[in-house]
N, C-alpha and C. Protein backbone atom coordinates (compact mmCIF):
# COMPACT_ATOMS: atom_id res chain seq x y z
N MET A 1 1.02 -1.32 0.04
CA MET A 1 0.05 0.19 -0.09
C MET A 1 0.89 1.11 0.34
N ARG A 2 1.95 1.30 0.95
CA ARG A 2 2.74 2.39 1.03
C ARG A 2 3.41 2.41 -0.39
N SER A 3 3.80 1.57 -1.07
CA SER A 3 4.73 1.49 -2.57
C SER A 3 3.78 2.23 -3.24
N LYS A 4 2.27 2.18 -3.45
CA LYS A 4 1.57 2.77 -4.38
C LYS A 4 1.21 4.22 -4.13
N MET A 5 1.09 4.61 -2.58
CA MET A 5 1.16 5.63 -2.65
C MET A 5 2.32 6.55 -3.06
N TYR A 6 3.27 5.84 -2.77
CA TYR A 6 4.52 6.92 -2.82
C TYR A 6 4.72 6.85 -4.75
N VAL A 7 4.34 5.91 -5.41
CA VAL A 7 4.30 5.93 -7.07
C VAL A 7 3.46 7.08 -7.41
N LEU A 8 2.59 6.88 -6.59
CA LEU A 8 1.61 8.04 -6.59
C LEU A 8 1.75 9.73 -6.42
N ILE A 9 2.23 10.06 -5.81
CA ILE A 9 3.16 11.15 -5.09
C ILE A 9 3.89 11.63 -6.16
N THR A 10 4.87 10.58 -6.47
CA THR A 10 6.19 10.23 -7.20
C THR A 10 5.39 11.47 -8.62
N TRP A 11 4.63 10.40 -9.24
CA TRP A 11 3.98 10.96 -10.47
C TRP A 11 3.64 12.45 -10.28
N GLY A 12 2.58 12.38 -9.21
CA GLY A 12 1.93 13.75 -9.35
C GLY A 12 2.94 14.50 -9.33
N LEU A 13 4.28 14.34 -8.52
CA LEU A 13 5.38 15.80 -8.59
C LEU A 13 5.39 15.90 -9.72
N LEU A 14 6.00 15.04 -10.68
CA LEU A 14 6.51 14.90 -11.81
C LEU A 14 5.83 15.35 -13.19
N VAL A 15 4.52 15.05 -13.09
CA VAL A 15 3.65 16.10 -13.84
C VAL A 15 3.74 17.33 -13.20
N ILE A 16 3.53 17.86 -12.17
CA ILE A 16 3.61 19.19 -11.92
C ILE A 16 4.70 20.10 -12.44
N MET A 17 6.34 19.24 -12.11
CA MET A 17 7.08 19.69 -12.70
C MET A 17 7.29 19.73 -14.32
N LEU A 18 6.73 18.93 -14.70
CA LEU A 18 6.89 19.13 -15.84
C LEU A 18 6.10 19.93 -16.62
N ALA A 19 4.31 20.49 -16.08
CA ALA A 19 3.61 21.35 -16.46
C ALA A 19 4.36 22.74 -16.55
N ALA A 20 5.40 22.88 -15.02
CA ALA A 20 5.94 24.18 -14.58
C ALA A 20 7.06 24.30 -15.96
N CYS A 21 7.99 23.60 -16.10
CA CYS A 21 8.78 24.00 -17.26
C CYS A 21 8.36 24.03 -18.51
N GLY A 22 6.98 23.50 -18.99
CA GLY A 22 6.80 23.51 -20.14
C GLY A 22 6.10 25.31 -20.30
N SER A 23 5.83 26.09 -19.28
CA SER A 23 5.24 27.47 -19.46
C SER A 23 6.12 28.08 -19.52
N VAL A 24 6.66 28.57 -20.76
CA VAL A 24 7.26 29.54 -21.00
C VAL A 24 6.59 30.91 -21.47
N ASN A 25 7.53 32.16 -21.41
CA ASN A 25 6.92 33.41 -21.59
C ASN A 25 7.28 33.53 -23.31
N LYS A 26 6.02 33.23 -23.80
CA LYS A 26 6.85 33.74 -25.19
C LYS A 26 6.13 34.91 -25.41
N GLU A 27 6.27 36.13 -25.05
CA GLU A 27 5.46 37.08 -25.48
C GLU A 27 6.70 38.04 -26.14
N GLU A 28 6.51 38.96 -27.36
CA GLU A 28 7.35 39.52 -27.88
C GLU A 28 7.87 40.64 -27.53
N PRO A 29 8.81 41.56 -27.91
CA PRO A 29 8.81 42.41 -27.36
C PRO A 29 8.20 43.71 -28.09
N MET A 30 7.31 44.97 -27.45
CA MET A 30 6.72 45.39 -27.65
C MET A 30 6.87 46.34 -29.31
N ASN A 31 8.42 46.63 -28.99
CA ASN A 31 8.80 47.23 -30.16
C ASN A 31 9.68 46.46 -31.34
N LYS A 32 8.95 45.38 -31.05
CA LYS A 32 10.00 44.45 -32.29
C LYS A 32 9.84 44.55 -33.33
N PRO A 33 10.84 44.74 -34.44
CA PRO A 33 10.87 45.37 -36.11
C PRO A 33 9.63 44.20 -36.65
N GLY A 34 8.90 44.70 -37.83
CA GLY A 34 8.37 43.94 -38.37
C GLY A 34 9.79 42.91 -39.37
N GLN A 35 8.78 42.07 -39.95
CA GLN A 35 9.62 41.28 -40.71
C GLN A 35 10.29 41.97 -42.16
N GLY A 36 11.70 41.93 -42.31
CA GLY A 36 11.97 42.49 -43.37
C GLY A 36 12.89 43.98 -43.12
N ASP A 37 12.31 44.44 -42.26
CA ASP A 37 12.59 45.87 -41.80
C ASP A 37 14.57 45.96 -41.42
N GLU A 38 15.00 46.33 -41.52
CA GLU A 38 16.36 46.76 -41.43
C GLU A 38 16.38 47.05 -40.12
N THR A 39 15.70 48.43 -39.76
CA THR A 39 15.87 49.40 -38.53
C THR A 39 14.08 49.45 -38.30
N TRP A 40 14.60 50.03 -36.79
CA TRP A 40 13.26 50.67 -36.44
C TRP A 40 13.49 51.89 -35.28
N SER A 41 12.44 52.94 -35.06
CA SER A 41 12.59 53.82 -34.83
C SER A 41 11.83 54.11 -33.22
N VAL A 42 12.39 54.66 -32.36
CA VAL A 42 11.67 55.09 -31.09
C VAL A 42 11.85 56.27 -30.56
N ALA A 43 11.15 56.63 -29.95
CA ALA A 43 11.24 58.12 -29.35
C ALA A 43 10.51 57.87 -27.53
N GLY A 44 11.68 58.82 -26.74
CA GLY A 44 11.49 58.71 -25.36
C GLY A 44 12.15 60.00 -24.47
N ASN A 45 11.84 59.84 -23.17
CA ASN A 45 12.77 60.84 -22.77
C ASN A 45 13.99 59.55 -22.25
N ILE A 46 14.96 60.35 -21.62
CA ILE A 46 16.12 59.68 -21.32
C ILE A 46 16.07 59.95 -19.74
N VAL A 47 15.97 58.80 -18.73
CA VAL A 47 15.29 59.00 -17.44
C VAL A 47 16.97 58.87 -16.60
N SER A 48 18.06 57.99 -17.23
CA SER A 48 19.30 57.84 -16.89
C SER A 48 20.51 57.78 -17.65
N LYS A 49 21.35 57.97 -17.47
CA LYS A 49 22.74 57.26 -18.23
C LYS A 49 23.94 56.86 -17.52
N GLU A 50 24.52 56.14 -18.14
CA GLU A 50 25.73 55.72 -18.01
C GLU A 50 26.73 55.27 -18.84
N ALA A 51 27.73 55.71 -17.93
CA ALA A 51 29.27 55.75 -19.04
C ALA A 51 29.97 54.18 -19.04
N VAL A 52 29.94 53.42 -20.35
CA VAL A 52 30.50 52.13 -20.11
C VAL A 52 30.92 52.17 -21.52
N GLU A 53 32.03 51.34 -21.79
CA GLU A 53 33.12 51.32 -22.75
C GLU A 53 32.33 50.72 -23.86
N PRO A 54 32.45 51.37 -25.27
CA PRO A 54 33.46 52.54 -25.83
C PRO A 54 32.77 53.69 -25.49
N GLY A 55 31.40 53.89 -25.28
CA GLY A 55 30.56 55.06 -25.29
C GLY A 55 29.69 54.91 -23.78
N GLY A 56 28.51 54.98 -24.14
CA GLY A 56 27.55 55.02 -23.05
C GLY A 56 25.85 53.98 -22.98
N ARG A 57 25.52 53.89 -22.30
CA ARG A 57 24.33 53.67 -22.43
C ARG A 57 23.05 54.45 -21.64
N LEU A 58 22.16 54.69 -22.42
CA LEU A 58 20.51 55.30 -21.72
C LEU A 58 19.54 54.78 -21.64
N LEU A 59 19.19 54.83 -20.53
CA LEU A 59 17.90 54.40 -20.01
C LEU A 59 16.74 55.37 -20.38
N VAL A 60 15.70 55.03 -21.25
CA VAL A 60 14.89 55.93 -22.41
C VAL A 60 13.57 55.12 -21.68
N TYR A 61 12.76 56.11 -21.11
CA TYR A 61 11.08 56.03 -21.06
C TYR A 61 10.72 56.37 -22.25
N PRO A 62 9.69 55.57 -23.12
CA PRO A 62 9.25 55.37 -24.49
C PRO A 62 8.00 56.48 -24.15
N SER A 63 7.91 57.71 -24.98
CA SER A 63 6.97 58.86 -24.95
C SER A 63 7.45 59.49 -26.29
N GLU A 64 6.19 60.14 -26.96
CA GLU A 64 6.48 60.11 -28.35
C GLU A 64 6.51 62.03 -28.19
N GLU A 65 6.03 62.50 -27.41
CA GLU A 65 6.44 63.90 -27.10
C GLU A 65 7.17 63.84 -25.31
N PRO A 66 7.89 65.19 -25.64
CA PRO A 66 8.83 65.53 -23.94
C PRO A 66 7.87 65.55 -23.26
N MET A 67 8.38 65.09 -21.83
CA MET A 67 7.30 64.82 -20.85
C MET A 67 8.00 65.25 -19.56
N ALA A 68 7.39 66.10 -18.83
CA ALA A 68 7.92 66.26 -17.18
C ALA A 68 8.64 64.94 -16.62
N LEU A 69 9.63 64.98 -16.13
CA LEU A 69 10.04 63.61 -15.57
C LEU A 69 10.11 64.00 -13.67
N GLU A 70 10.14 62.55 -13.34
CA GLU A 70 10.06 63.00 -11.77
C GLU A 70 11.15 62.67 -11.58
N GLU A 71 11.53 62.94 -10.00
CA GLU A 71 13.01 62.23 -9.77
C GLU A 71 12.78 60.87 -8.88
N LEU A 72 13.10 60.07 -10.02
CA LEU A 72 13.26 58.26 -9.68
C LEU A 72 14.49 57.85 -10.00
N SER A 73 14.54 56.69 -9.26
CA SER A 73 15.80 56.23 -9.09
C SER A 73 15.53 55.18 -10.45
N GLN A 74 16.96 54.76 -10.81
CA GLN A 74 16.66 53.82 -12.42
C GLN A 74 15.74 52.80 -11.61
N GLU A 75 15.84 52.47 -10.69
CA GLU A 75 15.05 51.07 -10.62
C GLU A 75 13.40 51.36 -10.22
N GLU A 76 13.09 52.79 -9.82
CA GLU A 76 12.05 52.98 -10.00
C GLU A 76 11.24 53.16 -11.16
N TRP A 77 11.79 53.68 -11.88
CA TRP A 77 11.33 53.97 -13.60
C TRP A 77 11.27 52.78 -14.00
N ILE A 78 12.53 51.90 -13.80
CA ILE A 78 11.79 50.34 -14.48
C ILE A 78 10.47 49.78 -13.76
N GLU A 79 10.45 50.36 -12.43
CA GLU A 79 8.90 49.48 -11.85
C GLU A 79 8.09 50.32 -12.39
N LYS A 80 8.15 51.73 -12.44
CA LYS A 80 7.38 52.16 -13.11
C LYS A 80 6.32 51.94 -14.36
N ALA A 81 7.90 51.81 -15.39
CA ALA A 81 7.29 51.00 -16.61
C ALA A 81 6.76 49.94 -16.66
N GLN A 82 7.00 48.98 -15.90
CA GLN A 82 6.45 47.62 -15.77
C GLN A 82 4.93 47.72 -15.35
N ALA A 83 4.89 48.61 -14.48
CA ALA A 83 3.35 48.78 -13.88
C ALA A 83 2.20 49.39 -14.90
N GLU A 84 3.36 49.94 -16.01
CA GLU A 84 2.21 50.84 -16.89
C GLU A 84 2.44 50.05 -18.19
N GLY A 85 3.27 49.23 -18.07
CA GLY A 85 3.20 48.42 -19.52
C GLY A 85 4.07 49.29 -20.63
N ALA A 86 4.83 50.29 -20.20
CA ALA A 86 5.62 50.80 -21.31
C ALA A 86 6.95 50.14 -21.38
N ASP A 87 7.23 50.49 -22.56
CA ASP A 87 8.64 49.61 -22.97
C ASP A 87 10.09 50.16 -22.50
N ILE A 88 10.30 50.27 -21.91
CA ILE A 88 11.72 51.18 -21.17
C ILE A 88 12.74 50.18 -21.32
N ALA A 89 13.79 50.60 -21.96
CA ALA A 89 15.08 49.80 -22.57
C ALA A 89 15.90 50.66 -22.51
N TRP A 90 17.24 50.14 -22.34
CA TRP A 90 18.63 50.57 -22.14
C TRP A 90 19.15 50.86 -23.59
N TYR A 91 19.65 51.95 -24.11
CA TYR A 91 20.32 51.85 -25.58
C TYR A 91 21.58 52.53 -25.40
N VAL A 92 22.02 51.36 -26.17
CA VAL A 92 23.81 51.43 -26.30
C VAL A 92 24.24 52.87 -27.29
N VAL A 93 24.87 53.66 -27.30
CA VAL A 93 25.21 54.78 -28.05
C VAL A 93 26.77 54.93 -28.05
N ASP A 94 27.21 55.63 -29.10
CA ASP A 94 28.72 55.92 -29.15
C ASP A 94 28.97 56.85 -28.26
N GLN A 95 30.28 56.98 -27.62
CA GLN A 95 30.73 58.15 -27.35
C GLN A 95 30.16 59.44 -27.71
N ALA A 96 30.38 59.87 -29.20
CA ALA A 96 29.88 61.55 -29.21
C ALA A 96 28.59 61.32 -29.04
N GLN A 97 27.68 60.51 -29.05
CA GLN A 97 26.48 60.65 -28.67
C GLN A 97 25.76 60.53 -27.73
N TYR A 98 26.83 59.64 -26.54
CA TYR A 98 26.84 59.95 -25.02
C TYR A 98 26.98 61.40 -24.57
N ALA A 99 27.79 61.91 -25.05
CA ALA A 99 28.16 63.39 -24.65
C ALA A 99 27.16 64.49 -24.85
N SER A 100 26.70 64.21 -26.27
CA SER A 100 25.52 65.14 -26.62
C SER A 100 24.44 65.44 -25.96
N VAL A 101 24.02 64.21 -24.83
CA VAL A 101 22.81 64.05 -24.40
C VAL A 101 22.65 64.23 -22.90
N GLU A 102 21.59 64.46 -22.18
CA GLU A 102 21.58 64.90 -20.99
C GLU A 102 20.46 64.10 -20.46
N VAL A 103 20.42 63.77 -19.31
CA VAL A 103 19.09 62.80 -18.57
C VAL A 103 18.01 64.45 -18.83
N GLY A 104 16.82 63.70 -19.11
CA GLY A 104 15.91 64.77 -18.92
C GLY A 104 15.21 65.16 -20.52
N GLN A 105 16.25 64.90 -21.32
CA GLN A 105 15.95 65.44 -23.05
C GLN A 105 15.22 64.23 -23.29
N HIS A 106 14.34 64.77 -24.36
CA HIS A 106 13.50 63.77 -25.56
C HIS A 106 14.55 63.22 -26.44
N VAL A 107 14.63 62.14 -26.79
CA VAL A 107 15.11 61.51 -28.07
C VAL A 107 14.36 60.79 -29.22
N ARG A 108 14.54 60.80 -30.35
CA ARG A 108 14.10 59.87 -31.44
C ARG A 108 15.60 59.13 -31.51
N MET A 109 15.28 57.81 -31.73
CA MET A 109 16.34 56.90 -32.26
C MET A 109 15.95 55.98 -33.40
N THR A 110 16.87 55.42 -34.29
CA THR A 110 16.85 54.62 -35.23
C THR A 110 17.67 53.60 -34.54
N LEU A 111 17.12 52.44 -34.45
CA LEU A 111 17.39 51.34 -34.14
C LEU A 111 17.83 50.14 -34.47
N LYS A 112 19.48 49.59 -34.48
CA LYS A 112 19.53 48.02 -35.04
C LYS A 112 17.94 47.23 -34.73
N PRO A 113 17.62 45.94 -35.57
CA PRO A 113 16.73 45.45 -35.10
C PRO A 113 17.08 44.09 -34.28
N ASP A 114 17.76 44.34 -33.36
CA ASP A 114 18.26 43.22 -32.54
C ASP A 114 18.01 43.92 -31.06
N GLN A 115 17.91 42.61 -30.35
CA GLN A 115 18.02 43.32 -28.83
C GLN A 115 18.52 42.32 -27.83
N LEU A 116 19.37 42.44 -26.73
CA LEU A 116 19.61 41.40 -26.06
C LEU A 116 18.24 41.21 -25.01
N GLU A 117 18.13 40.25 -24.42
CA GLU A 117 16.96 40.18 -23.73
C GLU A 117 16.74 40.41 -22.23
N PRO A 118 18.03 40.76 -21.19
CA PRO A 118 17.50 40.94 -19.98
C PRO A 118 16.22 41.95 -19.88
N TYR A 119 15.87 42.37 -18.76
CA TYR A 119 14.72 43.27 -18.61
C TYR A 119 15.58 44.55 -17.76
N PRO A 120 15.60 45.75 -18.34
CA PRO A 120 14.72 46.04 -19.63
C PRO A 120 15.98 45.59 -20.68
N PRO A 121 15.40 45.57 -21.77
CA PRO A 121 16.13 45.05 -23.16
C PRO A 121 17.32 46.04 -23.00
N ILE A 122 18.34 46.04 -23.96
CA ILE A 122 19.54 46.63 -24.28
C ILE A 122 19.42 46.47 -25.71
N ARG A 123 19.48 47.52 -26.69
CA ARG A 123 19.39 47.73 -27.92
C ARG A 123 20.71 49.10 -28.15
N THR A 124 20.95 48.58 -29.56
CA THR A 124 22.04 49.05 -30.16
C THR A 124 21.35 50.76 -31.24
N VAL A 125 21.66 51.91 -30.74
CA VAL A 125 21.09 53.23 -31.21
C VAL A 125 22.25 53.17 -32.67
N ILE A 126 21.69 53.20 -33.82
CA ILE A 126 22.20 53.71 -34.84
C ILE A 126 22.85 55.41 -35.31
N ASP A 127 21.34 55.75 -35.12
CA ASP A 127 21.28 57.09 -34.92
C ASP A 127 20.31 57.83 -34.10
N LEU A 128 20.81 58.98 -33.00
CA LEU A 128 20.17 59.71 -32.31
C LEU A 128 20.05 61.46 -32.49
N GLU A 129 18.51 61.75 -32.10
CA GLU A 129 18.48 63.00 -32.67
C GLU A 129 17.69 63.66 -31.22
N VAL A 130 17.99 64.85 -30.68
CA VAL A 130 17.22 65.31 -29.70
C VAL A 130 16.11 66.06 -29.91
N THR A 131 15.17 66.01 -29.65
CA THR A 131 13.63 66.62 -29.94
C THR A 131 14.14 68.23 -29.35
N PRO A 132 14.07 68.83 -30.83
CA PRO A 132 13.60 70.50 -29.89
C PRO A 132 12.83 71.12 -29.56
N GLY A 133 13.10 71.73 -28.32
CA GLY A 133 12.40 72.25 -27.10
C GLY A 133 12.45 71.16 -26.24
N SER A 134 13.44 70.20 -25.80
CA SER A 134 13.05 69.43 -25.04
C SER A 134 14.60 69.62 -23.93
């Protein structure tokens, strides 16, 4: 009797483990380029910037228009983006682009159609333009 119960419990745990391993998040990134696209465009406000070799990276909160920024830490911006479903991301820029922008500015960027998948994702900038009046 004990061996039957042991077998049933073991099979039950195995089924639960296999079910849990099979549930993979297959959600696509919000700003994923269409098929055949070589680049795509993103606009937003710079909420943080970090120097990394050979240039830097910018944490950008998506927004089509310049917005007044709250004083939040990187983690707070990331949590806010998650709560609002906003596609916040790190954007890798060269040294000249990094030096030409400041936190709080609104930018439009042309990107390579690839990204690294941590959260927030890391994307590579081809061209960066500061929006006039930001």
